[in-house]
């Protein structure tokens, strides 16, 4: 299965957990996050980002990156929940990355409005 297929499949499951699509906070972690709203989702992303950074620091010392992969997966997952909260799709992020391909990061950053 391709990466975009995995993202599409995961995005569809996340979308199905919205209350308007029958998501039940009593039986679904994602539905519970949606029910709690933006701030709960954003807080979770902050927690997962911190855990990812800490796992990277641990991997730097230990040489074992397995926890880093695990935490990065959590961060990506919760980022997908955030995108769904704002009615966005992972393909939009992939399209933005594709748009930036071949553009120097310094040039791209300088082109952003302040």
PDB file of N, CA and C in Angstrom:
ATOM      1  N   UNK A   1       0.860  -1.187   0.000  1.00  0.00           N
ATOM      2  CA  UNK A   1       0.000   0.000   0.000  1.00  0.00           C
ATOM      3  C   UNK A   1       0.894   1.234   0.000  1.00  0.00           C
ATOM      4  N   UNK A   2       0.587   2.200  -0.843  1.00  0.00           N
ATOM      5  CA  UNK A   2       1.403   3.411  -0.920  1.00  0.00           C
ATOM      6  C   UNK A   2       1.151   4.311   0.280  1.00  0.00           C
ATOM      7  N   UNK A   3       2.088   5.232   0.501  1.00  0.00           N
ATOM      8  CA  UNK A   3       1.950   6.148   1.628  1.00  0.00           C
ATOM      9  C   UNK A   3       0.673   6.970   1.511  1.00  0.00           C
ATOM     10  N   UNK A   4       0.375   7.462   0.319  1.00  0.00           N
ATOM     11  CA  UNK A   4      -0.829   8.276   0.179  1.00  0.00           C
ATOM     12  C   UNK A   4      -2.088   7.446   0.396  1.00  0.00           C
ATOM     13  N   UNK A   5      -2.058   6.163   0.035  1.00  0.00           N
ATOM     14  CA  UNK A   5      -3.209   5.294   0.295  1.00  0.00           C
ATOM     15  C   UNK A   5      -3.424   5.114   1.789  1.00  0.00           C
ATOM     16  N   UNK A   6      -2.328   4.945   2.516  1.00  0.00           N
ATOM     17  CA  UNK A   6      -2.432   4.815   3.971  1.00  0.00           C
ATOM     18  C   UNK A   6      -3.005   6.096   4.562  1.00  0.00           C
ATOM     19  N   UNK A   7      -2.515   7.241   4.106  1.00  0.00           N
ATOM     20  CA  UNK A   7      -3.036   8.513   4.602  1.00  0.00           C
ATOM     21  C   UNK A   7      -4.506   8.691   4.240  1.00  0.00           C
ATOM     22  N   UNK A   8      -4.871   8.324   3.009  1.00  0.00           N
ATOM     23  CA  UNK A   8      -6.272   8.423   2.592  1.00  0.00           C
ATOM     24  C   UNK A   8      -7.166   7.537   3.454  1.00  0.00           C
ATOM     25  N   UNK A   9      -6.718   6.315   3.695  1.00  0.00           N
ATOM     26  CA  UNK A   9      -7.505   5.373   4.499  1.00  0.00           C
ATOM     27  C   UNK A   9      -7.653   5.889   5.924  1.00  0.00           C
ATOM     28  N   UNK A  10      -6.575   6.359   6.503  1.00  0.00           N
ATOM     29  CA  UNK A  10      -6.611   6.881   7.867  1.00  0.00           C
ATOM     30  C   UNK A  10      -7.481   8.134   7.946  1.00  0.00           C
ATOM     31  N   UNK A  11      -7.351   9.004   6.950  1.00  0.00           N
ATOM     32  CA  UNK A  11      -8.178  10.214   6.925  1.00  0.00           C
ATOM     33  C   UNK A  11      -9.663   9.860   6.858  1.00  0.00           C
ATOM     34  N   UNK A  12     -10.008   8.832   6.096  1.00  0.00           N
ATOM     35  CA  UNK A  12     -11.407   8.406   5.992  1.00  0.00           C
ATOM     36  C   UNK A  12     -11.925   7.877   7.328  1.00  0.00           C
ATOM     37  N   UNK A  13     -11.107   7.108   8.021  1.00  0.00           N
ATOM     38  CA  UNK A  13     -11.518   6.596   9.334  1.00  0.00           C
ATOM     39  C   UNK A  13     -11.699   7.758  10.305  1.00  0.00           C
ATOM     40  N   UNK A  14     -10.759   8.688  10.313  1.00  0.00           N
ATOM     41  CA  UNK A  14     -10.863   9.849  11.204  1.00  0.00           C
ATOM     42  C   UNK A  14     -12.126  10.641  10.885  1.00  0.00           C
ATOM     43  N   UNK A  15     -12.388  10.866   9.620  1.00  0.00           N
ATOM     44  CA  UNK A  15     -13.589  11.607   9.202  1.00  0.00           C
ATOM     45  C   UNK A  15     -14.855  10.900   9.691  1.00  0.00           C
ATOM     46  N   UNK A  16     -14.836   9.575   9.660  1.00  0.00           N
ATOM     47  CA  UNK A  16     -16.012   8.803  10.095  1.00  0.00           C
ATOM     48  C   UNK A  16     -16.265   8.941  11.593  1.00  0.00           C
ATOM     49  N   UNK A  17     -15.294   9.417  12.324  1.00  0.00           N
ATOM     50  CA  UNK A  17     -15.437   9.565  13.775  1.00  0.00           C
ATOM     51  C   UNK A  17     -16.049  10.908  14.189  1.00  0.00           C
ATOM     52  N   UNK A  18     -16.257  11.799  13.227  1.00  0.00           N
ATOM     53  CA  UNK A  18     -16.929  13.069  13.545  1.00  0.00           C
ATOM     54  C   UNK A  18     -18.373  12.788  13.945  1.00  0.00           C
ATOM     55  N   UNK A  19     -18.902  13.600  14.839  1.00  0.00           N
ATOM     56  CA  UNK A  19     -20.284  13.418  15.309  1.00  0.00           C
ATOM     57  C   UNK A  19     -21.275  13.435  14.154  1.00  0.00           C
ATOM     58  N   UNK A  20     -21.056  14.306  13.173  1.00  0.00           N
ATOM     59  CA  UNK A  20     -21.979  14.397  12.036  1.00  0.00           C
ATOM     60  C   UNK A  20     -21.992  13.129  11.195  1.00  0.00           C
ATOM     61  N   UNK A  21     -20.951  12.307  11.360  1.00  0.00           N
ATOM     62  CA  UNK A  21     -20.871  11.043  10.623  1.00  0.00           C
ATOM     63  C   UNK A  21     -21.149   9.840  11.521  1.00  0.00           C
ATOM     64  N   UNK A  22     -21.676  10.104  12.715  1.00  0.00           N
ATOM     65  CA  UNK A  22     -22.041   9.033  13.622  1.00  0.00           C
ATOM     66  C   UNK A  22     -20.974   8.632  14.621  1.00  0.00           C
ATOM     67  N   UNK A  23     -19.888   9.394  14.691  1.00  0.00           N
ATOM     68  CA  UNK A  23     -18.835   9.080  15.655  1.00  0.00           C
ATOM     69  C   UNK A  23     -19.355   9.170  17.085  1.00  0.00           C
ATOM     70  N   UNK A  24     -19.023   8.184  17.894  1.00  0.00           N
ATOM     71  CA  UNK A  24     -19.515   8.105  19.265  1.00  0.00           C
ATOM     72  C   UNK A  24     -18.360   8.263  20.246  1.00  0.00           C
ATOM     73  N   UNK A  25     -18.342   9.365  21.014  1.00  0.00           N
ATOM     74  CA  UNK A  25     -17.269   9.587  21.984  1.00  0.00           C
ATOM     75  C   UNK A  25     -17.163   8.497  23.050  1.00  0.00           C
ATOM     76  N   UNK A  26     -18.221   7.735  23.247  1.00  0.00           N
ATOM     77  CA  UNK A  26     -18.184   6.656  24.239  1.00  0.00           C
ATOM     78  C   UNK A  26     -17.387   5.448  23.744  1.00  0.00           C
ATOM     79  N   UNK A  27     -17.247   5.329  22.419  1.00  0.00           N
ATOM     80  CA  UNK A  27     -16.587   4.145  21.870  1.00  0.00           C
ATOM     81  C   UNK A  27     -15.369   4.465  21.006  1.00  0.00           C
ATOM     82  N   UNK A  28     -15.095   5.761  20.770  1.00  0.00           N
ATOM     83  CA  UNK A  28     -14.003   6.137  19.874  1.00  0.00           C
ATOM     84  C   UNK A  28     -13.158   7.246  20.484  1.00  0.00           C
ATOM     85  N   UNK A  29     -11.864   6.994  20.561  1.00  0.00           N
ATOM     86  CA  UNK A  29     -10.916   8.002  21.056  1.00  0.00           C
ATOM     87  C   UNK A  29     -10.972   9.266  20.194  1.00  0.00           C
ATOM     88  N   UNK A  30     -10.995   9.082  18.865  1.00  0.00           N
ATOM     89  CA  UNK A  30     -11.011  10.235  17.961  1.00  0.00           C
ATOM     90  C   UNK A  30     -12.316  11.003  18.102  1.00  0.00           C
ATOM     91  N   UNK A  31     -13.437  10.303  18.210  1.00  0.00           N
ATOM     92  CA  UNK A  31     -14.724  10.978  18.414  1.00  0.00           C
ATOM     93  C   UNK A  31     -14.702  11.770  19.715  1.00  0.00           C
ATOM     94  N   UNK A  32     -14.056  11.225  20.730  1.00  0.00           N
ATOM     95  CA  UNK A  32     -13.941  11.933  22.010  1.00  0.00           C
ATOM     96  C   UNK A  32     -13.110  13.208  21.844  1.00  0.00           C
ATOM     97  N   UNK A  33     -12.019  13.131  21.081  1.00  0.00           N
ATOM     98  CA  UNK A  33     -11.221  14.334  20.809  1.00  0.00           C
ATOM     99  C   UNK A  33     -12.051  15.381  20.067  1.00  0.00           C
ATOM    100  N   UNK A  34     -12.770  14.938  19.030  1.00  0.00           N
ATOM    101  CA  UNK A  34     -13.622  15.877  18.290  1.00  0.00           C
ATOM    102  C   UNK A  34     -14.653  16.522  19.211  1.00  0.00           C
ATOM    103  N   UNK A  35     -15.235  15.745  20.100  1.00  0.00           N
ATOM    104  CA  UNK A  35     -16.258  16.266  21.017  1.00  0.00           C
ATOM    105  C   UNK A  35     -15.670  17.310  21.968  1.00  0.00           C
ATOM    106  N   UNK A  36     -14.404  17.131  22.328  1.00  0.00           N
ATOM    107  CA  UNK A  36     -13.751  18.093  23.226  1.00  0.00           C
ATOM    108  C   UNK A  36     -13.367  19.380  22.515  1.00  0.00           C
ATOM    109  N   UNK A  37     -13.236  19.332  21.186  1.00  0.00           N
ATOM    110  CA  UNK A  37     -12.992  20.536  20.405  1.00  0.00           C
ATOM    111  C   UNK A  37     -11.533  20.834  20.102  1.00  0.00           C
ATOM    112  N   UNK A  38     -11.364  21.978  19.447  1.00  0.00           N
ATOM    113  CA  UNK A  38     -10.052  22.408  18.938  1.00  0.00           C
ATOM    114  C   UNK A  38      -8.964  22.387  19.995  1.00  0.00           C
ATOM    115  N   UNK A  39      -9.250  22.994  21.142  1.00  0.00           N
ATOM    116  CA  UNK A  39      -8.200  23.138  22.147  1.00  0.00           C
ATOM    117  C   UNK A  39      -7.673  21.792  22.618  1.00  0.00           C
ATOM    118  N   UNK A  40      -8.530  20.803  22.776  1.00  0.00           N
ATOM    119  CA  UNK A  40      -8.085  19.475  23.203  1.00  0.00           C
ATOM    120  C   UNK A  40      -7.200  18.834  22.132  1.00  0.00           C
ATOM    121  N   UNK A  41      -7.580  18.999  20.886  1.00  0.00           N
ATOM    122  CA  UNK A  41      -6.792  18.441  19.784  1.00  0.00           C
ATOM    123  C   UNK A  41      -5.436  19.130  19.709  1.00  0.00           C
ATOM    124  N   UNK A  42      -5.431  20.442  19.805  1.00  0.00           N
ATOM    125  CA  UNK A  42      -4.178  21.191  19.729  1.00  0.00           C
ATOM    126  C   UNK A  42      -3.271  20.885  20.922  1.00  0.00           C
ATOM    127  N   UNK A  43      -3.855  20.732  22.093  1.00  0.00           N
ATOM    128  CA  UNK A  43      -3.076  20.370  23.279  1.00  0.00           C
ATOM    129  C   UNK A  43      -2.420  19.010  23.071  1.00  0.00           C
ATOM    130  N   UNK A  44      -3.169  18.081  22.496  1.00  0.00           N
ATOM    131  CA  UNK A  44      -2.635  16.741  22.257  1.00  0.00           C
ATOM    132  C   UNK A  44      -1.470  16.800  21.269  1.00  0.00           C
ATOM    133  N   UNK A  45      -1.572  17.631  20.252  1.00  0.00           N
ATOM    134  CA  UNK A  45      -0.471  17.778  19.301  1.00  0.00           C
ATOM    135  C   UNK A  45       0.762  18.331  20.010  1.00  0.00           C
ATOM    136  N   UNK A  46       0.568  19.299  20.891  1.00  0.00           N
ATOM    137  CA  UNK A  46       1.690  19.836  21.652  1.00  0.00           C
ATOM    138  C   UNK A  46       2.361  18.765  22.496  1.00  0.00           C
ATOM    139  N   UNK A  47       1.558  17.940  23.143  1.00  0.00           N
ATOM    140  CA  UNK A  47       2.106  16.843  23.951  1.00  0.00           C
ATOM    141  C   UNK A  47       2.887  15.863  23.081  1.00  0.00           C
ATOM    142  N   UNK A  48       2.300  15.515  21.946  1.00  0.00           N
ATOM    143  CA  UNK A  48       2.953  14.535  21.065  1.00  0.00           C
ATOM    144  C   UNK A  48       4.225  15.121  20.456  1.00  0.00           C
ATOM    145  N   UNK A  49       4.228  16.411  20.151  1.00  0.00           N
ATOM    146  CA  UNK A  49       5.433  17.052  19.614  1.00  0.00           C
ATOM    147  C   UNK A  49       6.551  17.009  20.648  1.00  0.00           C
ATOM    148  N   UNK A  50       6.212  17.293  21.893  1.00  0.00           N
ATOM    149  CA  UNK A  50       7.210  17.238  22.967  1.00  0.00           C
ATOM    150  C   UNK A  50       7.746  15.823  23.139  1.00  0.00           C
ATOM    151  N   UNK A  51       6.860  14.834  23.113  1.00  0.00           N
ATOM    152  CA  UNK A  51       7.287  13.444  23.243  1.00  0.00           C
ATOM    153  C   UNK A  51       8.177  13.025  22.070  1.00  0.00           C
ATOM    154  N   UNK A  52       7.892  13.550  20.886  1.00  0.00           N
ATOM    155  CA  UNK A  52       8.713  13.243  19.713  1.00  0.00           C
ATOM    156  C   UNK A  52      10.111  13.829  19.872  1.00  0.00           C
ATOM    157  N   UNK A  53      10.184  15.053  20.335  1.00  0.00           N
ATOM    158  CA  UNK A  53      11.487  15.686  20.568  1.00  0.00           C
ATOM    159  C   UNK A  53      12.283  14.902  21.611  1.00  0.00           C
ATOM    160  N   UNK A  54      11.635  14.511  22.690  1.00  0.00           N
ATOM    161  CA  UNK A  54      12.325  13.764  23.741  1.00  0.00           C
ATOM    162  C   UNK A  54      12.800  12.401  23.221  1.00  0.00           C
ATOM    163  N   UNK A  55      11.991  11.762  22.395  1.00  0.00           N
ATOM    164  CA  UNK A  55      12.390  10.474  21.817  1.00  0.00           C
ATOM    165  C   UNK A  55      13.584  10.650  20.882  1.00  0.00           C
ATOM    166  N   UNK A  56      13.621  11.753  20.155  1.00  0.00           N
ATOM    167  CA  UNK A  56      14.765  12.022  19.272  1.00  0.00           C
ATOM    168  C   UNK A  56      16.035  12.228  20.092  1.00  0.00           C
ATOM    169  N   UNK A  57      15.909  12.951  21.182  1.00  0.00           N
ATOM    170  CA  UNK A  57      17.072  13.155  22.061  1.00  0.00           C
ATOM    171  C   UNK A  57      17.546  11.832  22.652  1.00  0.00           C
ATOM    172  N   UNK A  58      16.599  10.991  23.062  1.00  0.00           N
ATOM    173  CA  UNK A  58      16.966   9.675  23.589  1.00  0.00           C
ATOM    174  C   UNK A  58      17.637   8.828  22.513  1.00  0.00           C
ATOM    175  N   UNK A  59      17.121   8.876  21.293  1.00  0.00           N
ATOM    176  CA  UNK A  59      17.694   8.099  20.190  1.00  0.00           C
ATOM    177  C   UNK A  59      19.106   8.571  19.877  1.00  0.00           C
ATOM    178  N   UNK A  60      19.328   9.852  20.008  1.00  0.00           N
ATOM    179  CA  UNK A  60      20.671  10.407  19.762  1.00  0.00           C
ATOM    180  C   UNK A  60      21.679   9.771  20.715  1.00  0.00           C
ATOM    181  N   UNK A  61      21.272   9.537  21.947  1.00  0.00           N
ATOM    182  CA  UNK A  61      22.158   8.963  22.965  1.00  0.00           C
ATOM    183  C   UNK A  61      22.240   7.445  22.834  1.00  0.00           C
ATOM    184  N   UNK A  62      21.078   6.800  22.684  1.00  0.00           N
ATOM    185  CA  UNK A  62      21.040   5.329  22.714  1.00  0.00           C
ATOM    186  C   UNK A  62      21.327   4.679  21.368  1.00  0.00           C
ATOM    187  N   UNK A  63      21.067   5.410  20.287  1.00  0.00           N
ATOM    188  CA  UNK A  63      21.199   4.823  18.957  1.00  0.00           C
ATOM    189  C   UNK A  63      19.990   4.001  18.543  1.00  0.00           C
ATOM    190  N   UNK A  64      18.984   3.898  19.415  1.00  0.00           N
ATOM    191  CA  UNK A  64      17.761   3.137  19.132  1.00  0.00           C
ATOM    192  C   UNK A  64      16.647   4.125  18.798  1.00  0.00           C
ATOM    193  N   UNK A  65      16.186   4.107  17.558  1.00  0.00           N
ATOM    194  CA  UNK A  65      15.180   5.065  17.107  1.00  0.00           C
ATOM    195  C   UNK A  65      13.757   4.519  17.145  1.00  0.00           C
ATOM    196  N   UNK A  66      13.545   3.357  17.740  1.00  0.00           N
ATOM    197  CA  UNK A  66      12.207   2.757  17.719  1.00  0.00           C
ATOM    198  C   UNK A  66      11.177   3.638  18.429  1.00  0.00           C
ATOM    199  N   UNK A  67      11.528   4.231  19.556  1.00  0.00           N
ATOM    200  CA  UNK A  67      10.588   5.126  20.237  1.00  0.00           C
ATOM    201  C   UNK A  67      10.328   6.385  19.422  1.00  0.00           C
ATOM    202  N   UNK A  68      11.324   6.836  18.696  1.00  0.00           N
ATOM    203  CA  UNK A  68      11.154   8.014  17.840  1.00  0.00           C
ATOM    204  C   UNK A  68      10.128   7.740  16.747  1.00  0.00           C
ATOM    205  N   UNK A  69      10.199   6.571  16.135  1.00  0.00           N
ATOM    206  CA  UNK A  69       9.211   6.193  15.114  1.00  0.00           C
ATOM    207  C   UNK A  69       7.813   6.157  15.731  1.00  0.00           C
ATOM    208  N   UNK A  70       7.689   5.550  16.891  1.00  0.00           N
ATOM    209  CA  UNK A  70       6.402   5.428  17.580  1.00  0.00           C
ATOM    210  C   UNK A  70       5.827   6.811  17.882  1.00  0.00           C
ATOM    211  N   UNK A  71       6.636   7.691  18.449  1.00  0.00           N
ATOM    212  CA  UNK A  71       6.150   9.025  18.821  1.00  0.00           C
ATOM    213  C   UNK A  71       5.844   9.869  17.592  1.00  0.00           C
ATOM    214  N   UNK A  72       6.633   9.709  16.552  1.00  0.00           N
ATOM    215  CA  UNK A  72       6.362  10.452  15.312  1.00  0.00           C
ATOM    216  C   UNK A  72       5.036   9.993  14.707  1.00  0.00           C
ATOM    217  N   UNK A  73       4.755   8.706  14.786  1.00  0.00           N
ATOM    218  CA  UNK A  73       3.464   8.199  14.301  1.00  0.00           C
ATOM    219  C   UNK A  73       2.320   8.822  15.096  1.00  0.00           C
ATOM    220  N   UNK A  74       2.483   8.932  16.414  1.00  0.00           N
ATOM    221  CA  UNK A  74       1.459   9.595  17.235  1.00  0.00           C
ATOM    222  C   UNK A  74       1.275  11.045  16.825  1.00  0.00           C
ATOM    223  N   UNK A  75       2.382  11.730  16.579  1.00  0.00           N
ATOM    224  CA  UNK A  75       2.309  13.139  16.177  1.00  0.00           C
ATOM    225  C   UNK A  75       1.610  13.285  14.835  1.00  0.00           C
ATOM    226  N   UNK A  76       1.972  12.457  13.885  1.00  0.00           N
ATOM    227  CA  UNK A  76       1.317  12.510  12.573  1.00  0.00           C
ATOM    228  C   UNK A  76      -0.169  12.200  12.695  1.00  0.00           C
ATOM    229  N   UNK A  77      -0.495  11.177  13.481  1.00  0.00           N
ATOM    230  CA  UNK A  77      -1.897  10.801  13.654  1.00  0.00           C
ATOM    231  C   UNK A  77      -2.704  11.977  14.206  1.00  0.00           C
ATOM    232  N   UNK A  78      -2.219  12.582  15.263  1.00  0.00           N
ATOM    233  CA  UNK A  78      -2.963  13.691  15.862  1.00  0.00           C
ATOM    234  C   UNK A  78      -2.996  14.914  14.941  1.00  0.00           C
ATOM    235  N   UNK A  79      -1.984  15.061  14.109  1.00  0.00           N
ATOM    236  CA  UNK A  79      -2.015  16.128  13.094  1.00  0.00           C
ATOM    237  C   UNK A  79      -3.114  15.858  12.070  1.00  0.00           C
ATOM    238  N   UNK A  80      -3.323  14.587  11.736  1.00  0.00           N
ATOM    239  CA  UNK A  80      -4.417  14.236  10.820  1.00  0.00           C
ATOM    240  C   UNK A  80      -5.774  14.534  11.455  1.00  0.00           C
ATOM    241  N   UNK A  81      -5.894  14.294  12.755  1.00  0.00           N
ATOM    242  CA  UNK A  81      -7.134  14.630  13.458  1.00  0.00           C
ATOM    243  C   UNK A  81      -7.357  16.150  13.389  1.00  0.00           C
ATOM    244  N   UNK A  82      -6.296  16.919  13.596  1.00  0.00           N
ATOM    245  CA  UNK A  82      -6.409  18.377  13.520  1.00  0.00           C
ATOM    246  C   UNK A  82      -6.849  18.814  12.122  1.00  0.00           C
ATOM    247  N   UNK A  83      -6.238  18.245  11.105  1.00  0.00           N
ATOM    248  CA  UNK A  83      -6.637  18.601   9.737  1.00  0.00           C
ATOM    249  C   UNK A  83      -8.129  18.333   9.534  1.00  0.00           C
ATOM    250  N   UNK A  84      -8.589  17.180   9.983  1.00  0.00           N
ATOM    251  CA  UNK A  84     -10.005  16.836   9.837  1.00  0.00           C
ATOM    252  C   UNK A  84     -10.886  17.816  10.604  1.00  0.00           C
ATOM    253  N   UNK A  85     -10.430  18.242  11.768  1.00  0.00           N
ATOM    254  CA  UNK A  85     -11.203  19.215  12.558  1.00  0.00           C
ATOM    255  C   UNK A  85     -11.455  20.488  11.750  1.00  0.00           C
ATOM    256  N   UNK A  86     -10.499  20.844  10.918  1.00  0.00           N
ATOM    257  CA  UNK A  86     -10.607  22.056  10.100  1.00  0.00           C
ATOM    258  C   UNK A  86     -11.039  21.746   8.670  1.00  0.00           C
ATOM    259  N   UNK A  87     -11.597  20.542   8.478  1.00  0.00           N
ATOM    260  CA  UNK A  87     -12.107  20.109   7.174  1.00  0.00           C
ATOM    261  C   UNK A  87     -11.043  20.163   6.075  1.00  0.00           C
ATOM    262  N   UNK A  88      -9.839  19.765   6.454  1.00  0.00           N
ATOM    263  CA  UNK A  88      -8.731  19.677   5.515  1.00  0.00           C
ATOM    264  C   UNK A  88      -8.359  18.213   5.338  1.00  0.00           C
ATOM    265  N   UNK A  89      -7.620  17.918   4.273  1.00  0.00           N
ATOM    266  CA  UNK A  89      -7.259  16.545   3.936  1.00  0.00           C
ATOM    267  C   UNK A  89      -5.743  16.434   3.824  1.00  0.00           C
ATOM    268  N   UNK A  90      -5.182  15.284   4.171  1.00  0.00           N
ATOM    269  CA  UNK A  90      -3.732  15.110   4.054  1.00  0.00           C
ATOM    270  C   UNK A  90      -3.192  15.417   2.658  1.00  0.00           C
ATOM    271  N   UNK A  91      -4.005  15.184   1.634  1.00  0.00           N
ATOM    272  CA  UNK A  91      -3.536  15.459   0.272  1.00  0.00           C
ATOM    273  C   UNK A  91      -3.174  16.929   0.099  1.00  0.00           C
ATOM    274  N   UNK A  92      -3.855  17.807   0.819  1.00  0.00           N
ATOM    275  CA  UNK A  92      -3.529  19.238   0.726  1.00  0.00           C
ATOM    276  C   UNK A  92      -2.131  19.510   1.265  1.00  0.00           C
ATOM    277  N   UNK A  93      -1.729  18.793   2.299  1.00  0.00           N
ATOM    278  CA  UNK A  93      -0.376  18.943   2.844  1.00  0.00           C
ATOM    279  C   UNK A  93       0.632  18.353   1.856  1.00  0.00           C
ATOM    280  N   UNK A  94       0.305  17.185   1.293  1.00  0.00           N
ATOM    281  CA  UNK A  94       1.190  16.582   0.297  1.00  0.00           C
ATOM    282  C   UNK A  94       1.350  17.493  -0.918  1.00  0.00           C
ATOM    283  N   UNK A  95       0.259  18.131  -1.334  1.00  0.00           N
ATOM    284  CA  UNK A  95       0.326  19.063  -2.462  1.00  0.00           C
ATOM    285  C   UNK A  95       1.237  20.248  -2.142  1.00  0.00           C
ATOM    286  N   UNK A  96       1.160  20.734  -0.909  1.00  0.00           N
ATOM    287  CA  UNK A  96       2.022  21.849  -0.502  1.00  0.00           C
ATOM    288  C   UNK A  96       3.485  21.418  -0.488  1.00  0.00           C
ATOM    289  N   UNK A  97       3.757  20.212   0.001  1.00  0.00           N
ATOM    290  CA  UNK A  97       5.132  19.708  -0.016  1.00  0.00           C
ATOM    291  C   UNK A  97       5.631  19.559  -1.460  1.00  0.00           C
ATOM    292  N   UNK A  98       4.769  19.075  -2.335  1.00  0.00           N
ATOM    293  CA  UNK A  98       5.143  18.932  -3.745  1.00  0.00           C
ATOM    294  C   UNK A  98       5.426  20.296  -4.364  1.00  0.00           C
ATOM    295  N   UNK A  99       4.628  21.292  -3.988  1.00  0.00           N
ATOM    296  CA  UNK A  99       4.836  22.641  -4.512  1.00  0.00           C
ATOM    297  C   UNK A  99       6.206  23.168  -4.110  1.00  0.00           C
ATOM    298  N   UNK A 100       6.635  22.817  -2.918  1.00  0.00           N
ATOM    299  CA  UNK A 100       7.919  23.305  -2.396  1.00  0.00           C
ATOM    300  C   UNK A 100       9.122  22.526  -2.917  1.00  0.00           C
ATOM    301  N   UNK A 101       8.866  21.360  -3.513  1.00  0.00           N
ATOM    302  CA  UNK A 101       9.970  20.525  -3.966  1.00  0.00           C
ATOM    303  C   UNK A 101      10.839  21.291  -4.960  1.00  0.00           C
ATOM    304  N   UNK A 102      12.137  21.250  -4.727  1.00  0.00           N
ATOM    305  CA  UNK A 102      13.067  21.932  -5.618  1.00  0.00           C
ATOM    306  C   UNK A 102      13.265  23.403  -5.301  1.00  0.00           C
ATOM    307  N   UNK A 103      12.547  23.898  -4.305  1.00  0.00           N
ATOM    308  CA  UNK A 103      12.698  25.296  -3.899  1.00  0.00           C
ATOM    309  C   UNK A 103      13.553  25.323  -2.645  1.00  0.00           C
ATOM    310  N   UNK A 104      14.570  26.131  -2.656  1.00  0.00           N
ATOM    311  CA  UNK A 104      15.411  26.268  -1.472  1.00  0.00           C
ATOM    312  C   UNK A 104      14.560  26.691  -0.284  1.00  0.00           C
ATOM    313  N   UNK A 105      14.794  26.061   0.864  1.00  0.00           N
ATOM    314  CA  UNK A 105      14.069  26.436   2.075  1.00  0.00           C
ATOM    315  C   UNK A 105      14.263  27.894   2.432  1.00  0.00           C
ATOM    316  N   UNK A 106      15.444  28.412   2.188  1.00  0.00           N
ATOM    317  CA  UNK A 106      15.720  29.824   2.478  1.00  0.00           C
ATOM    318  C   UNK A 106      14.908  30.710   1.545  1.00  0.00           C
ATOM    319  N   UNK A 107      14.848  30.351   0.261  1.00  0.00           N
ATOM    320  CA  UNK A 107      14.069  31.131  -0.706  1.00  0.00           C
ATOM    321  C   UNK A 107      12.582  31.043  -0.387  1.00  0.00           C
ATOM    322  N   UNK A 108      12.099  29.827  -0.084  1.00  0.00           N
ATOM    323  CA  UNK A 108      10.680  29.644   0.216  1.00  0.00           C
ATOM    324  C   UNK A 108      10.278  30.462   1.438  1.00  0.00           C
ATOM    325  N   UNK A 109      11.082  30.424   2.484  1.00  0.00           N
ATOM    326  CA  UNK A 109      10.764  31.170   3.698  1.00  0.00           C
ATOM    327  C   UNK A 109      10.751  32.673   3.429  1.00  0.00           C
ATOM    328  N   UNK A 110      11.703  33.135   2.621  1.00  0.00           N
ATOM    329  CA  UNK A 110      11.778  34.575   2.300  1.00  0.00           C
ATOM    330  C   UNK A 110      10.579  35.033   1.476  1.00  0.00           C
ATOM    331  N   UNK A 111       9.929  34.107   0.771  1.00  0.00           N
ATOM    332  CA  UNK A 111       8.806  34.483  -0.089  1.00  0.00           C
ATOM    333  C   UNK A 111       7.489  34.609   0.694  1.00  0.00           C
ATOM    334  N   UNK A 112       7.474  34.166   1.944  1.00  0.00           N
ATOM    335  CA  UNK A 112       6.254  34.215   2.745  1.00  0.00           C
ATOM    336  C   UNK A 112       5.963  35.652   3.173  1.00  0.00           C
ATOM    337  N   UNK A 113       4.669  36.011   3.174  1.00  0.00           N
ATOM    338  CA  UNK A 113       4.335  37.343   3.684  1.00  0.00           C
ATOM    339  C   UNK A 113       4.611  37.407   5.187  1.00  0.00           C
ATOM    340  N   UNK A 114       5.000  38.560   5.636  1.00  0.00           N
ATOM    341  CA  UNK A 114       5.315  38.700   7.080  1.00  0.00           C
ATOM    342  C   UNK A 114       4.105  38.961   7.902  1.00  0.00           C
TER     343      UNK A 114
END
